[in-house]
Structures are given as structure tokens and as C-alpha cells.
C-alpha atoms as a PDB file:
ATOM      1  CA  MET A   1       0.006   0.046  -0.003  1.00  0.00           C
ATOM      2  CA  ASP A   2       1.221   3.554  -0.866  1.00  0.00           C
ATOM      3  CA  TYR A   3       0.494   6.334   1.553  1.00  0.00           C
ATOM      4  CA  LEU A   4      -0.026  10.094   1.505  1.00  0.00           C
ATOM      5  CA  LEU A   5       0.674  11.783   4.844  1.00  0.00           C
ATOM      6  CA  VAL A   6      -0.594  15.323   5.789  1.00  0.00           C
ATOM      7  CA  LYS A   7       0.947  15.984   9.188  1.00  0.00           C
ATOM      8  CA  ASP A   8      -0.112  18.362  11.885  1.00  0.00           C
ATOM      9  CA  LEU A   9      -2.390  20.654   9.940  1.00  0.00           C
ATOM     10  CA  GLU A  10      -2.952  23.414  12.432  1.00  0.00           C
ATOM     11  CA  ILE A  11      -6.605  24.453  12.869  1.00  0.00           C
ATOM     12  CA  TYR A  12      -8.160  26.836  15.325  1.00  0.00           C
ATOM     13  CA  ALA A  13     -11.708  25.590  16.159  1.00  0.00           C
ATOM     14  CA  ASN A  14     -14.423  25.518  18.858  1.00  0.00           C
ATOM     15  CA  HIS A  15     -14.640  21.833  19.732  1.00  0.00           C
ATOM     16  CA  GLY A  16     -14.946  20.702  23.370  1.00  0.00           C
ATOM     17  CA  VAL A  17     -17.319  19.886  26.231  1.00  0.00           C
ATOM     18  CA  PHE A  18     -16.739  23.039  28.255  1.00  0.00           C
ATOM     19  CA  GLN A  19     -18.504  26.234  27.332  1.00  0.00           C
ATOM     20  CA  SER A  20     -15.240  28.111  27.423  1.00  0.00           C
ATOM     21  CA  GLU A  21     -13.951  25.814  24.665  1.00  0.00           C
ATOM     22  CA  LYS A  22     -16.991  26.450  22.613  1.00  0.00           C
ATOM     23  CA  GLU A  23     -16.773  30.226  22.972  1.00  0.00           C
ATOM     24  CA  LEU A  24     -13.006  30.837  22.925  1.00  0.00           C
ATOM     25  CA  GLY A  25     -11.800  27.964  20.688  1.00  0.00           C
ATOM     26  CA  GLN A  26      -8.337  26.385  20.777  1.00  0.00           C
ATOM     27  CA  LYS A  27      -5.585  24.947  18.607  1.00  0.00           C
ATOM     28  CA  PHE A  28      -5.911  21.480  17.057  1.00  0.00           C
ATOM     29  CA  LEU A  29      -3.344  19.548  15.003  1.00  0.00           C
ATOM     30  CA  VAL A  30      -4.796  17.099  12.419  1.00  0.00           C
ATOM     31  CA  THR A  31      -2.842  14.348  10.681  1.00  0.00           C
ATOM     32  CA  LEU A  32      -4.086  12.231   7.831  1.00  0.00           C
ATOM     33  CA  LYS A  33      -2.492   9.067   6.504  1.00  0.00           C
ATOM     34  CA  MET A  34      -4.229   7.952   3.372  1.00  0.00           C
ATOM     35  CA  GLY A  35      -3.514   4.582   1.743  1.00  0.00           C
ATOM     36  CA  TYR A  36      -4.142   4.080  -1.941  1.00  0.00           C
ATOM     37  CA  ASN A  37      -2.399   2.835  -5.087  1.00  0.00           C
ATOM     38  CA  MET A  38      -0.282   5.735  -6.390  1.00  0.00           C
ATOM     39  CA  LYS A  39       1.031   4.000  -9.548  1.00  0.00           C
ATOM     40  CA  LYS A  40      -1.513   5.633 -11.918  1.00  0.00           C
ATOM     41  CA  GLY A  41      -0.661   9.075 -10.779  1.00  0.00           C
ATOM     42  CA  ALA A  42       3.071   8.368 -10.451  1.00  0.00           C
ATOM     43  CA  THR A  43       3.292   7.046 -14.024  1.00  0.00           C
ATOM     44  CA  SER A  44       1.001   9.623 -15.674  1.00  0.00           C
ATOM     45  CA  ASN A  45       2.440  12.580 -13.862  1.00  0.00           C
ATOM     46  CA  ASN A  46      -1.067  13.917 -13.924  1.00  0.00           C
ATOM     47  CA  LEU A  47      -2.683  15.430 -10.756  1.00  0.00           C
ATOM     48  CA  GLU A  48      -6.094  14.259 -11.855  1.00  0.00           C
ATOM     49  CA  ASP A  49      -4.841  10.712 -11.323  1.00  0.00           C
ATOM     50  CA  SER A  50      -3.831  11.497  -7.721  1.00  0.00           C
ATOM     51  CA  ILE A  51      -4.980  13.491  -4.672  1.00  0.00           C
ATOM     52  CA  HIS A  52      -4.346  17.141  -4.554  1.00  0.00           C
ATOM     53  CA  TYR A  53      -3.162  17.481  -1.010  1.00  0.00           C
ATOM     54  CA  GLY A  54      -3.474  21.291  -1.115  1.00  0.00           C
ATOM     55  CA  VAL A  55      -7.140  21.051  -1.975  1.00  0.00           C
ATOM     56  CA  LEU A  56      -7.550  18.220   0.550  1.00  0.00           C
ATOM     57  CA  SER A  57      -6.018  20.288   3.354  1.00  0.00           C
ATOM     58  CA  LYS A  58      -8.287  23.308   2.661  1.00  0.00           C
ATOM     59  CA  GLU A  59     -11.298  20.979   2.606  1.00  0.00           C
ATOM     60  CA  ILE A  60     -10.275  19.464   5.953  1.00  0.00           C
ATOM     61  CA  TYR A  61      -9.678  22.920   7.404  1.00  0.00           C
ATOM     62  CA  ASP A  62     -13.045  24.180   6.349  1.00  0.00           C
ATOM     63  CA  TYR A  63     -14.905  21.031   7.364  1.00  0.00           C
ATOM     64  CA  PHE A  64     -13.148  20.913  10.842  1.00  0.00           C
ATOM     65  CA  ARG A  65     -14.357  24.475  11.525  1.00  0.00           C
ATOM     66  CA  SER A  66     -17.897  24.113  10.170  1.00  0.00           C
ATOM     67  CA  GLU A  67     -19.469  23.227  13.590  1.00  0.00           C
ATOM     68  CA  SER A  68     -18.783  22.900  17.241  1.00  0.00           C
ATOM     69  CA  ILE A  69     -18.681  19.278  18.543  1.00  0.00           C
ATOM     70  CA  ASP A  70     -18.117  18.115  22.148  1.00  0.00           C
ATOM     71  CA  LEU A  71     -15.823  15.083  21.579  1.00  0.00           C
ATOM     72  CA  ILE A  72     -12.715  14.964  19.340  1.00  0.00           C
ATOM     73  CA  GLU A  73     -13.538  11.278  18.790  1.00  0.00           C
ATOM     74  CA  THR A  74     -16.688  12.464  17.071  1.00  0.00           C
ATOM     75  CA  VAL A  75     -14.770  15.079  15.023  1.00  0.00           C
ATOM     76  CA  ALA A  76     -12.264  12.362  13.940  1.00  0.00           C
ATOM     77  CA  TYR A  77     -14.920   9.937  12.825  1.00  0.00           C
ATOM     78  CA  LYS A  78     -16.746  12.633  10.950  1.00  0.00           C
ATOM     79  CA  LEU A  79     -13.565  13.365   9.120  1.00  0.00           C
ATOM     80  CA  VAL A  80     -13.217   9.589   8.289  1.00  0.00           C
ATOM     81  CA  GLU A  81     -16.723   9.624   6.826  1.00  0.00           C
ATOM     82  CA  PHE A  82     -16.137  12.846   4.862  1.00  0.00           C
ATOM     83  CA  ILE A  83     -12.766  11.764   3.360  1.00  0.00           C
ATOM     84  CA  LEU A  84     -13.795   8.169   2.391  1.00  0.00           C
ATOM     85  CA  LYS A  85     -16.994   9.429   0.816  1.00  0.00           C
ATOM     86  CA  LYS A  86     -15.308  12.050  -1.236  1.00  0.00           C
ATOM     87  CA  TYR A  87     -12.077  10.258  -2.234  1.00  0.00           C
ATOM     88  CA  LYS A  88     -13.148   6.858  -3.463  1.00  0.00           C
ATOM     89  CA  ILE A  89      -9.507   6.042  -4.437  1.00  0.00           C
ATOM     90  CA  VAL A  90      -8.598   5.750  -0.693  1.00  0.00           C
ATOM     91  CA  GLN A  91      -8.529   2.263   0.647  1.00  0.00           C
ATOM     92  CA  GLU A  92      -7.246   2.906   4.151  1.00  0.00           C
ATOM     93  CA  LEU A  93      -7.326   6.034   6.296  1.00  0.00           C
ATOM     94  CA  THR A  94      -5.920   7.037   9.650  1.00  0.00           C
ATOM     95  CA  VAL A  95      -7.127  10.336  11.206  1.00  0.00           C
ATOM     96  CA  GLU A  96      -5.198  11.723  14.175  1.00  0.00           C
ATOM     97  CA  ILE A  97      -6.366  14.787  16.099  1.00  0.00           C
ATOM     98  CA  LYS A  98      -4.125  16.365  18.764  1.00  0.00           C
ATOM     99  CA  LYS A  99      -5.537  18.757  21.357  1.00  0.00           C
ATOM    100  CA  PRO A 100      -2.382  20.342  22.971  1.00  0.00           C
ATOM    101  CA  TRP A 101      -4.385  23.030  24.950  1.00  0.00           C
ATOM    102  CA  ALA A 102      -6.821  20.509  26.542  1.00  0.00           C
ATOM    103  CA  PRO A 103      -8.081  22.166  29.779  1.00  0.00           C
ATOM    104  CA  ILE A 104      -7.058  19.589  32.366  1.00  0.00           C
ATOM    105  CA  ASN A 105      -4.820  21.798  34.430  1.00  0.00           C
ATOM    106  CA  LEU A 106      -1.844  19.313  34.381  1.00  0.00           C
ATOM    107  CA  PRO A 107       1.447  19.393  32.556  1.00  0.00           C
ATOM    108  CA  LEU A 108       1.258  17.501  29.285  1.00  0.00           C
ATOM    109  CA  ASP A 109       2.427  17.598  25.678  1.00  0.00           C
ATOM    110  CA  THR A 110      -0.889  16.859  24.065  1.00  0.00           C
ATOM    111  CA  VAL A 111      -4.047  14.788  24.143  1.00  0.00           C
ATOM    112  CA  LYS A 112      -4.883  12.958  20.954  1.00  0.00           C
ATOM    113  CA  VAL A 113      -7.271  10.471  19.330  1.00  0.00           C
ATOM    114  CA  THR A 114      -6.564   8.198  16.395  1.00  0.00           C
ATOM    115  CA  ILE A 115      -9.138   6.431  14.274  1.00  0.00           C
ATOM    116  CA  ASN A 116      -8.134   3.929  11.508  1.00  0.00           C
ATOM    117  CA  ARG A 117     -10.464   2.452   9.011  1.00  0.00           C
ATOM    118  CA  LYS A 118      -9.871   0.357   5.843  1.00  0.00           C
ATOM    119  CA  LYS A 119     -12.269  -0.762   3.135  1.00  0.00           C
ATOM    120  CA  ARG A 120     -13.134  -4.411   3.229  1.00  0.00           C
ATOM    121  CA  ARG A 121     -14.942  -6.615   0.774  1.00  0.00           C
ATOM    122  CA  TYR A 122     -17.955  -8.364   2.378  1.00  0.00           C
ATOM    123  CA  PHE A 123     -20.244 -11.039   0.987  1.00  0.00           C
ATOM    124  CA  LEU A 124     -23.669 -11.087   2.397  1.00  0.00           C
ATOM    125  CA  GLY A 125     -26.544 -13.589   2.045  1.00  0.00           C
ATOM    126  CA  ILE A 126     -30.107 -12.237   1.964  1.00  0.00           C
ATOM    127  CA  GLY A 127     -33.328 -14.248   2.177  1.00  0.00           C
ATOM    128  CA  SER A 128     -37.090 -14.027   2.826  1.00  0.00           C
ATOM    129  CA  ASN A 129     -39.932 -16.452   3.132  1.00  0.00           C
ATOM    130  CA  ILE A 130     -42.743 -14.345   4.481  1.00  0.00           C
ATOM    131  CA  GLY A 131     -45.171 -12.087   2.582  1.00  0.00           C
ATOM    132  CA  ASP A 132     -43.843 -10.311  -0.569  1.00  0.00           C
ATOM    133  CA  LYS A 133     -40.492 -11.974  -0.597  1.00  0.00           C
ATOM    134  CA  GLN A 134     -39.160 -10.048  -3.591  1.00  0.00           C
ATOM    135  CA  GLU A 135     -40.123  -6.730  -2.081  1.00  0.00           C
ATOM    136  CA  TYR A 136     -38.391  -7.593   1.237  1.00  0.00           C
ATOM    137  CA  VAL A 137     -35.229  -8.657  -0.478  1.00  0.00           C
ATOM    138  CA  ASN A 138     -35.148  -5.615  -2.751  1.00  0.00           C
ATOM    139  CA  SER A 139     -35.806  -3.337   0.150  1.00  0.00           C
ATOM    140  CA  ALA A 140     -32.858  -4.861   2.074  1.00  0.00           C
ATOM    141  CA  ILE A 141     -30.546  -4.321  -0.887  1.00  0.00           C
ATOM    142  CA  ASP A 142     -31.749  -0.755  -1.307  1.00  0.00           C
ATOM    143  CA  ARG A 143     -31.124   0.058   2.302  1.00  0.00           C
ATOM    144  CA  LEU A 144     -27.636  -1.355   2.047  1.00  0.00           C
ATOM    145  CA  LYS A 145     -27.001   0.632  -1.128  1.00  0.00           C
ATOM    146  CA  ASN A 146     -28.216   3.821   0.528  1.00  0.00           C
ATOM    147  CA  THR A 147     -25.974   3.450   3.619  1.00  0.00           C
ATOM    148  CA  ASN A 148     -23.220   6.071   3.296  1.00  0.00           C
ATOM    149  CA  SER A 149     -20.507   3.728   4.527  1.00  0.00           C
ATOM    150  CA  ILE A 150     -21.418   0.966   2.053  1.00  0.00           C
ATOM    151  CA  GLU A 151     -20.793   0.615  -1.688  1.00  0.00           C
ATOM    152  CA  LEU A 152     -22.806  -2.055  -3.506  1.00  0.00           C
ATOM    153  CA  LYS A 153     -20.605  -3.959  -5.917  1.00  0.00           C
ATOM    154  CA  ASN A 154     -22.507  -6.996  -7.052  1.00  0.00           C
ATOM    155  CA  VAL A 155     -25.964  -8.630  -6.692  1.00  0.00           C
ATOM    156  CA  SER A 156     -26.556 -12.195  -7.665  1.00  0.00           C
ATOM    157  CA  GLU A 157     -29.621 -13.755  -9.336  1.00  0.00           C
ATOM    158  CA  MET A 158     -32.616 -14.546  -7.194  1.00  0.00           C
ATOM    159  CA  TYR A 159     -33.124 -18.103  -6.227  1.00  0.00           C
ATOM    160  CA  THR A 160     -36.128 -19.951  -4.830  1.00  0.00           C
ATOM    161  CA  THR A 161     -35.071 -22.669  -2.399  1.00  0.00           C
ATOM    162  CA  LYS A 162     -36.442 -25.015   0.135  1.00  0.00           C
ATOM    163  CA  ALA A 163     -36.106 -24.100   3.802  1.00  0.00           C
ATOM    164  CA  TRP A 164     -32.979 -25.387   5.480  1.00  0.00           C
ATOM    165  CA  GLY A 165     -32.694 -26.542   9.118  1.00  0.00           C
ATOM    166  CA  LYS A 166     -36.470 -26.234   9.780  1.00  0.00           C
ATOM    167  CA  THR A 167     -38.173 -27.521   6.648  1.00  0.00           C
ATOM    168  CA  ASP A 168     -41.855 -27.220   7.455  1.00  0.00           C
ATOM    169  CA  GLN A 169     -42.222 -23.720   6.208  1.00  0.00           C
ATOM    170  CA  GLU A 170     -42.506 -21.652   2.973  1.00  0.00           C
ATOM    171  CA  ASP A 171     -39.786 -21.678   0.442  1.00  0.00           C
ATOM    172  CA  PHE A 172     -37.187 -18.845   0.559  1.00  0.00           C
ATOM    173  CA  LEU A 173     -36.170 -16.311  -1.968  1.00  0.00           C
ATOM    174  CA  ASN A 174     -32.444 -16.013  -1.749  1.00  0.00           C
ATOM    175  CA  CYS A 175     -29.571 -13.921  -3.222  1.00  0.00           C
ATOM    176  CA  ALA A 176     -26.076 -12.888  -2.309  1.00  0.00           C
ATOM    177  CA  VAL A 177     -24.512  -9.371  -2.532  1.00  0.00           C
ATOM    178  CA  GLU A 178     -20.912  -8.069  -2.617  1.00  0.00           C
ATOM    179  CA  ILE A 179     -20.340  -4.758  -0.824  1.00  0.00           C
ATOM    180  CA  GLU A 180     -17.281  -2.669   0.028  1.00  0.00           C
ATOM    181  CA  SER A 181     -17.381  -0.937   3.344  1.00  0.00           C
ATOM    182  CA  TYR A 182     -15.081   0.739   5.850  1.00  0.00           C
ATOM    183  CA  GLU A 183     -17.391  -0.473   8.726  1.00  0.00           C
ATOM    184  CA  GLU A 184     -15.773  -2.766  11.153  1.00  0.00           C
ATOM    185  CA  PRO A 185     -17.405  -6.251  10.980  1.00  0.00           C
ATOM    186  CA  GLU A 186     -19.211  -5.801  14.310  1.00  0.00           C
ATOM    187  CA  ASP A 187     -20.505  -2.446  13.221  1.00  0.00           C
ATOM    188  CA  LEU A 188     -21.675  -3.845   9.890  1.00  0.00           C
ATOM    189  CA  LEU A 189     -23.552  -6.509  11.827  1.00  0.00           C
ATOM    190  CA  LYS A 190     -25.445  -3.805  13.752  1.00  0.00           C
ATOM    191  CA  ILE A 191     -26.353  -2.111  10.518  1.00  0.00           C
ATOM    192  CA  THR A 192     -27.720  -5.411   8.956  1.00  0.00           C
ATOM    193  CA  GLN A 193     -29.607  -6.194  12.166  1.00  0.00           C
ATOM    194  CA  GLN A 194     -31.241  -2.741  12.143  1.00  0.00           C
ATOM    195  CA  ILE A 195     -32.283  -3.255   8.487  1.00  0.00           C
ATOM    196  CA  GLU A 196     -33.795  -6.620   9.591  1.00  0.00           C
ATOM    197  CA  LEU A 197     -35.676  -4.908  12.395  1.00  0.00           C
ATOM    198  CA  ASP A 198     -36.922  -2.126  10.177  1.00  0.00           C
ATOM    199  CA  LEU A 199     -38.278  -4.672   7.714  1.00  0.00           C
ATOM    200  CA  GLY A 200     -40.221  -6.539  10.473  1.00  0.00           C
ATOM    201  CA  ARG A 201     -37.818  -9.324  11.372  1.00  0.00           C
ATOM    202  CA  GLU A 202     -38.879 -11.232  14.519  1.00  0.00           C
ATOM    203  CA  ARG A 203     -36.740 -13.808  16.170  1.00  0.00           C
ATOM    204  CA  HIS A 204     -38.977 -16.366  17.713  1.00  0.00           C
ATOM    205  CA  GLU A 205     -37.288 -19.659  16.743  1.00  0.00           C
ATOM    206  CA  LYS A 206     -33.977 -20.824  15.299  1.00  0.00           C
ATOM    207  CA  TRP A 207     -34.136 -21.191  11.478  1.00  0.00           C
ATOM    208  CA  GLY A 208     -37.851 -20.151  11.576  1.00  0.00           C
ATOM    209  CA  PRO A 209     -39.688 -18.031   8.961  1.00  0.00           C
ATOM    210  CA  ARG A 210     -38.655 -14.500   8.638  1.00  0.00           C
ATOM    211  CA  THR A 211     -39.505 -11.436   6.520  1.00  0.00           C
ATOM    212  CA  ILE A 212     -35.822 -10.822   5.890  1.00  0.00           C
ATOM    213  CA  ASP A 213     -32.500 -12.393   6.886  1.00  0.00           C
ATOM    214  CA  ILE A 214     -29.103 -10.866   6.243  1.00  0.00           C
ATOM    215  CA  ASP A 215     -26.020 -12.879   7.007  1.00  0.00           C
ATOM    216  CA  ILE A 216     -22.351 -11.791   6.837  1.00  0.00           C
ATOM    217  CA  LEU A 217     -20.802 -14.645   4.984  1.00  0.00           C
ATOM    218  CA  PHE A 218     -17.242 -13.456   4.330  1.00  0.00           C
ATOM    219  CA  CYS A 219     -15.161 -10.419   5.286  1.00  0.00           C
ATOM    220  CA  ASP A 220     -12.132 -10.452   2.967  1.00  0.00           C
ATOM    221  CA  ASN A 221      -9.964 -13.346   4.100  1.00  0.00           C
ATOM    222  CA  GLU A 222     -10.513 -12.665   7.793  1.00  0.00           C
ATOM    223  CA  ILE A 223     -11.513 -15.260  10.379  1.00  0.00           C
ATOM    224  CA  ILE A 224     -13.672 -13.825  13.176  1.00  0.00           C
ATOM    225  CA  TYR A 225     -15.017 -15.893  16.078  1.00  0.00           C
ATOM    226  CA  THR A 226     -16.852 -13.935  18.783  1.00  0.00           C
ATOM    227  CA  ASP A 227     -20.107 -14.469  20.642  1.00  0.00           C
ATOM    228  CA  ASP A 228     -21.961 -12.251  18.286  1.00  0.00           C
ATOM    229  CA  LEU A 229     -20.258 -12.881  14.884  1.00  0.00           C
ATOM    230  CA  LYS A 230     -18.622 -15.821  13.176  1.00  0.00           C
ATOM    231  CA  VAL A 231     -16.962 -15.258   9.837  1.00  0.00           C
ATOM    232  CA  PRO A 232     -16.776 -17.132   7.548  1.00  0.00           C
ATOM    233  CA  HIS A 233     -20.339 -18.125   8.248  1.00  0.00           C
ATOM    234  CA  PRO A 234     -20.071 -21.672   9.752  1.00  0.00           C
ATOM    235  CA  TYR A 235     -22.707 -23.153   7.434  1.00  0.00           C
ATOM    236  CA  VAL A 236     -21.596 -21.798   4.052  1.00  0.00           C
ATOM    237  CA  GLN A 237     -20.273 -25.084   2.771  1.00  0.00           C
ATOM    238  CA  ASP A 238     -23.526 -26.895   3.733  1.00  0.00           C
ATOM    239  CA  ARG A 239     -25.979 -24.518   2.079  1.00  0.00           C
ATOM    240  CA  LYS A 240     -26.603 -24.554  -1.662  1.00  0.00           C
ATOM    241  CA  PHE A 241     -28.844 -21.509  -1.322  1.00  0.00           C
ATOM    242  CA  VAL A 242     -25.762 -19.608  -0.085  1.00  0.00           C
ATOM    243  CA  LEU A 243     -23.141 -21.096  -2.517  1.00  0.00           C
ATOM    244  CA  GLN A 244     -25.203 -20.864  -5.685  1.00  0.00           C
ATOM    245  CA  PRO A 245     -25.792 -17.172  -5.531  1.00  0.00           C
ATOM    246  CA  LEU A 246     -22.197 -16.523  -4.425  1.00  0.00           C
ATOM    247  CA  ASN A 247     -20.933 -18.451  -7.447  1.00  0.00           C
ATOM    248  CA  ASP A 248     -22.698 -15.854  -9.711  1.00  0.00           C
ATOM    249  CA  PHE A 249     -19.905 -13.330  -9.019  1.00  0.00           C
ATOM    250  CA  ALA A 250     -17.326 -14.939  -6.685  1.00  0.00           C
ATOM    251  CA  GLN A 251     -16.756 -18.561  -7.843  1.00  0.00           C
ATOM    252  CA  PHE A 252     -12.957 -18.186  -7.439  1.00  0.00           C
ATOM    253  CA  PHE A 253     -12.989 -16.741  -4.011  1.00  0.00           C
ATOM    254  CA  VAL A 254     -11.133 -19.062  -1.645  1.00  0.00           C
ATOM    255  CA  HIS A 255     -12.714 -19.953   1.733  1.00  0.00           C
ATOM    256  CA  PRO A 256     -10.101 -18.817   4.279  1.00  0.00           C
ATOM    257  CA  VAL A 257     -10.594 -21.887   6.520  1.00  0.00           C
ATOM    258  CA  LEU A 258     -11.392 -24.690   4.044  1.00  0.00           C
ATOM    259  CA  ASN A 259      -8.869 -23.488   1.389  1.00  0.00           C
ATOM    260  CA  LYS A 260     -11.284 -24.303  -1.405  1.00  0.00           C
ATOM    261  CA  THR A 261     -12.927 -21.970  -3.914  1.00  0.00           C
ATOM    262  CA  LEU A 262     -16.656 -21.360  -3.706  1.00  0.00           C
ATOM    263  CA  GLU A 263     -17.032 -23.170  -7.032  1.00  0.00           C
ATOM    264  CA  GLN A 264     -15.323 -26.225  -5.546  1.00  0.00           C
ATOM    265  CA  LEU A 265     -17.542 -26.151  -2.500  1.00  0.00           C
ATOM    266  CA  LEU A 266     -20.683 -25.856  -4.605  1.00  0.00           C
ATOM    267  CA  ASN A 267     -19.576 -28.848  -6.786  1.00  0.00           C
ATOM    268  CA  GLU A 268     -18.787 -30.959  -3.804  1.00  0.00           C
ATOM    269  CA  LEU A 269     -22.197 -30.189  -2.233  1.00  0.00           C
ATOM    270  CA  GLU A 270     -24.066 -30.983  -5.442  1.00  0.00           C
ATOM    271  CA  ASN A 271     -22.183 -34.340  -5.721  1.00  0.00           C
ATOM    272  CA  LYS A 272     -22.930 -35.544  -2.184  1.00  0.00           C
END
């Protein structure tokens, strides 16, 4: 990864919890570390193929001063959102804000916060078997697409499949989507769960009927095992209704635990 560094951009602004900070203001130092592939700009010698750090610095300066915010953590995260939305070329971003005049009445060099985010590729499975299934699935996709931190990359065909795990229920309409997002996996889970809630999802029984179900199947090549989230999804290799849609756009993706492509896993499942 190549990096552009803007270090200690000095900005006088009115952020802080105390009223005196809001009224009088103080000095902040902002550092940005932006990761992206610089080859196109480096070989073309054309500024349009790169990031104009002079323009970027002025944008950050103006944005930083546009409102008064209590917490510098909030300011830092807003900068992350602003930069990653505007500069699509950036794949990884670190924002550091120093507050050298922090009013704590003790000797110190500075107080600072640092937030790092990187774009990840996620594969999600979406399904519905209650009511207007097509409408529920389409609504879930639209809500993902309209989330600022998410870019929709691919949507599979729709597949009607028998219920899995608990079979005495309506058939499901299933699809898979590929998204790019700088949300951390646990934060993306909260977003998908909120979409489920907004679309009437009720959790009464395991593998029971539902208006909408959104599963995080893969997150790049990462392996995550927590109480709330397990990635890769532990049943991917056993579910044709997951593997078949994924093979529409990611047949050569390698399962990071099983070390097999999704195409291989689908073929093995179909030949059982």
C-alpha cells in the first residue's frame, strides 16, 4: 500500500465539552494518513490521477471549523466519513487529532485520538420467506445501497429454495451481494440487524420463518469468532442457497478456513 501523509495541519476551532472551549476555541493539529495505489498518478504525472493535497488540506480545514462538537472522537470519525465518501480512491485512512491546549490543568504535551479504517470486501446472504419476498429482498438491498459507509458492488440472481434446518415452512427467496465498506465487522452486523428490524424481522425460533434475513458470509480473508459474529459463516459449505448465489460473481474466492474456492464447495455439495 502507498501512503499520502498530511501531518499536523494546524486548525483553530471551537470543539470541546466546556462552554469556554465552545466560545474561545483552541488549537488542534490534524494528521491524515491515506492509503491508496499511487501507480497511476506516479506514471502519468497527472494530478487528476492522484489526490491534490493542497485542496484536501483546505477541505479538511473548512470542514473541521464548520460546527462545534463536544468530543474529538466524534470530530475524527466525521472526518473519516467525509474523506472516504469524497475520495473513492482511498482504501485505508488514519485520522489523528491532537488537542495540545486541553483544559485539564496538568502538565502534558498533548491529548490525541486516532481512528483507523480500511475498506473491506464483504459477501452477504439475503433471504425471505414471508409475505412479498421479492419486495423484502429488494428493500434490504436498497437500504444497504443507501448506507453512506457501504458501496454495493454485485448482486446475484434470485433463487427460490427449500427451507434449511427447519423444513416445514414456506420456500425462501435468496440472493447474495458483494459490498465494499469501511465499517468494522461488528458495526456492519449492527447495520444489517437494524435493517432486519426495520423490515419486520422477528426472532422467535432458530431457522424459523422471517421477513428478511441478512447474514455476513465473508469479510475479505478474515477469520472472526466472537459471541456475536462468526466469519466465515459456519454453514456456508452446507448451504446450496448460499453457495449458488455467491458463485454468480465470486466462484474463485477461496474460503479462508477450508482453502477451497466457492466453485469447488458448490460442486462438492451438489455431488454428495
